[in-house]
Every structure is written in C-alpha cells, then in structure tokens.
C-alpha cells in the first residue's frame, strides 16, 4: 500500500475516532446524559487507557523497560505531567457538560495562542514575524469567538423567554407575583452554564499550555527518551488518580455502583479507552510516514470535523462571528506551525545558545556523578 493511501486511511481513522470519542463523552456527561460525572468518567477511562498502553509496550518489548532507566528527577517530572494532564482533561470534559461540542471546539482553537505565549514567557522560543502574525490571528479569533458566544447566549436567553411565555401565557406582566421569577430563572441558568463552561475551557487551555511547556522542557533538557505510548503508560495512571481525587471531592454520587451499571458505563469506558489507544497508534504511524509539520497542520485542521459533528449530531448553532473567529484561530495555528518548522536565523542562534546551555548542564551532571561515584 502506498504512503498516500496510508495517509488518507490514517487521517480518516484519526479524525473519525476523535469525533466519536468527543460525541461519546458528550452523550454520557451532557445535559441529558446517563452519567453526569465527568471527573469520575475521565478517571476510569484514563486508568483503562494506561493499562492498555502498558500492555502494548510490554508486547512490543517483552518487558516494561522504562522504569529501570528513570532517575528520581525524571519520575518527579513525569508525575508533574500526569497531575497537569489529569486536571486538564478532567476540566475539559467537565466543560463539555456545560458547552456544546462546537462551542468547546471553537474555544479549543485558541490553544496555540496560549502555548505560544507560554513558550515566550518560559524562554523556549523567540518572537518573529510569523509568530507575531499568528498571535494577531489568534487575538482576532478570540475576540470574534467572544462576540459570537455573547450573541449566542442572548439568542438562547430570548428563546428561553419565548418558551416560558408560551407556557404561562403571561408575557412579562408587571405586578403578577412570581411571573418575572419564572421568566428569569431559565435565562439565568442558561447564561450561568455558558459562563461556567467557558471559564472551565479557558482554564483547560492554560493548563494544557503549561503541560506543553513542561513537556518541551523535558524533551530538550532531560535524559528521558520515551515514545508516546511509553509516556502514556507512565502518565495516565497518575492522570487517573488526579481525576479520581477530583471526583471524590466534587462528584461523590458518582461512586454508586448501581448508577455505574445502569448507565452502561463499563462498555462506554472500554470503547473510549480502545478508541484513544487506536488514536495514539494512528498518530504514531502518521508521524512515521509523514513529518512533524504535517502532523501539526492535521492536528489543527481536525477541529473542523469536530465542529461539523456537533452541528450534525447535536444541532449546535454556530454564530457567524464564532465561525469567523474559528477560521482566524486556525490560520493563526497554521502560521505558528510554519514558524516552528521553518526557523529564522534568530531561531537558529537561539537554539544554538540553548544547546550550549544544555551541553553545560550535561557536563555538570556528569561531573556530579563522577564525584558521587568517587
């Protein structure tokens, strides 16, 4: 089979499974879902995913080799990654309980902006023209997304008011006890859900950017050499424990066994976990037959079918301003991908400086080991 057909098949698998997982989570934890406990569901799903990744790694190598090569500082870094990832995924799934699939995906399109700013603040990258253009697109997209979300909230509130008026037959009459309370309660709930979901997703993007920075730091300045499946096998159990703690704190009824069984959760968990594992393998194969820049571009564009899936399966309403903001964010992400994989002379000088610092750190580490051995 030629690499082109493999690319098409892998991309189709990646995008379709990603959409199916998102839709499955929404059906389960959404407003009309059978198990409205996102933290608990995330904990169980990641626990199964970690076990599957461990089994795949074990079958490939015949033993779980990574633990023998990890130093204490490496373990601490990986645990930190797991904690950040647990909070990130848990809050993202929690946001899905308040937002539509399309709204959350449109907000997610701003993730590159958070990553780029974090990389600047932590000294991992330097600003250039393409990054500045990317930031401009992202800021414009964020403004349009906010404008579209505000318009959508007003539209939903007006629709709720009309529905209530139709039920009660008294359209906002002053002096009638309880009428305005009846009118305002659904509107207030709609606005509150939109605000809470948006804040949760923005917090998710902030956590994701810090996790990305930490991962970049580990990859550039650490001796850890692990693939994605190996990292998953090590990090996902920590992620599961973090989400389990969040569920114990905020979702106590989630641990009712009869509720878990009546919601058909075992099947849902296994399907989602298997989907994530297949997704990871497809991504690894895509990186092998293509390039990192192609993966970043495909990762940016794969948000489009997620929005379409939300519109088709949940009849999500996407405002024109939000659609324009989504497009701007995608353009910004593509500019950033181009900037990362077509470095300027300033980037080369910066990386050379970073490499010199890394070599110095490595020499110091070697000297410390020699002193310790002596």
Foldseek 3Di string as FASTA:
>chain_A
DDVVVLLVVLLVLLLVLVLVLLVLLLCQQAPPHLFVQLLQLLLLLLVVLLVVLLVVVCVVPVHLPQVVVDDPVRLVLLLVLLLLVLLLNSLLSNLSRLDFLLLLLLLCLLLVLLLLVLCVVVVNFDDDDLLVLLNVLSVLLVVLSVVQLVVVLVVVLVVQLVVLCVVVVDNDDPPDPPPVVSSVVVSVVSVVSSVSSSVSSVVSSNSVSVSVVSVVCCVQQHPDDDDPSSSSNSNSNSSSVSSVVVCVVPPVVSPPPVSCVVSVPVVSSVSSSVSVVSSSVSLVVSCVSDNPLVSQLSVLVSSVVSSVSSCVVVVDDGDPSSVSSSVSSSVSSNSVSVCVVVDDPVRVVSVVVSVVVSVVVVVVVVVVVVVVVD
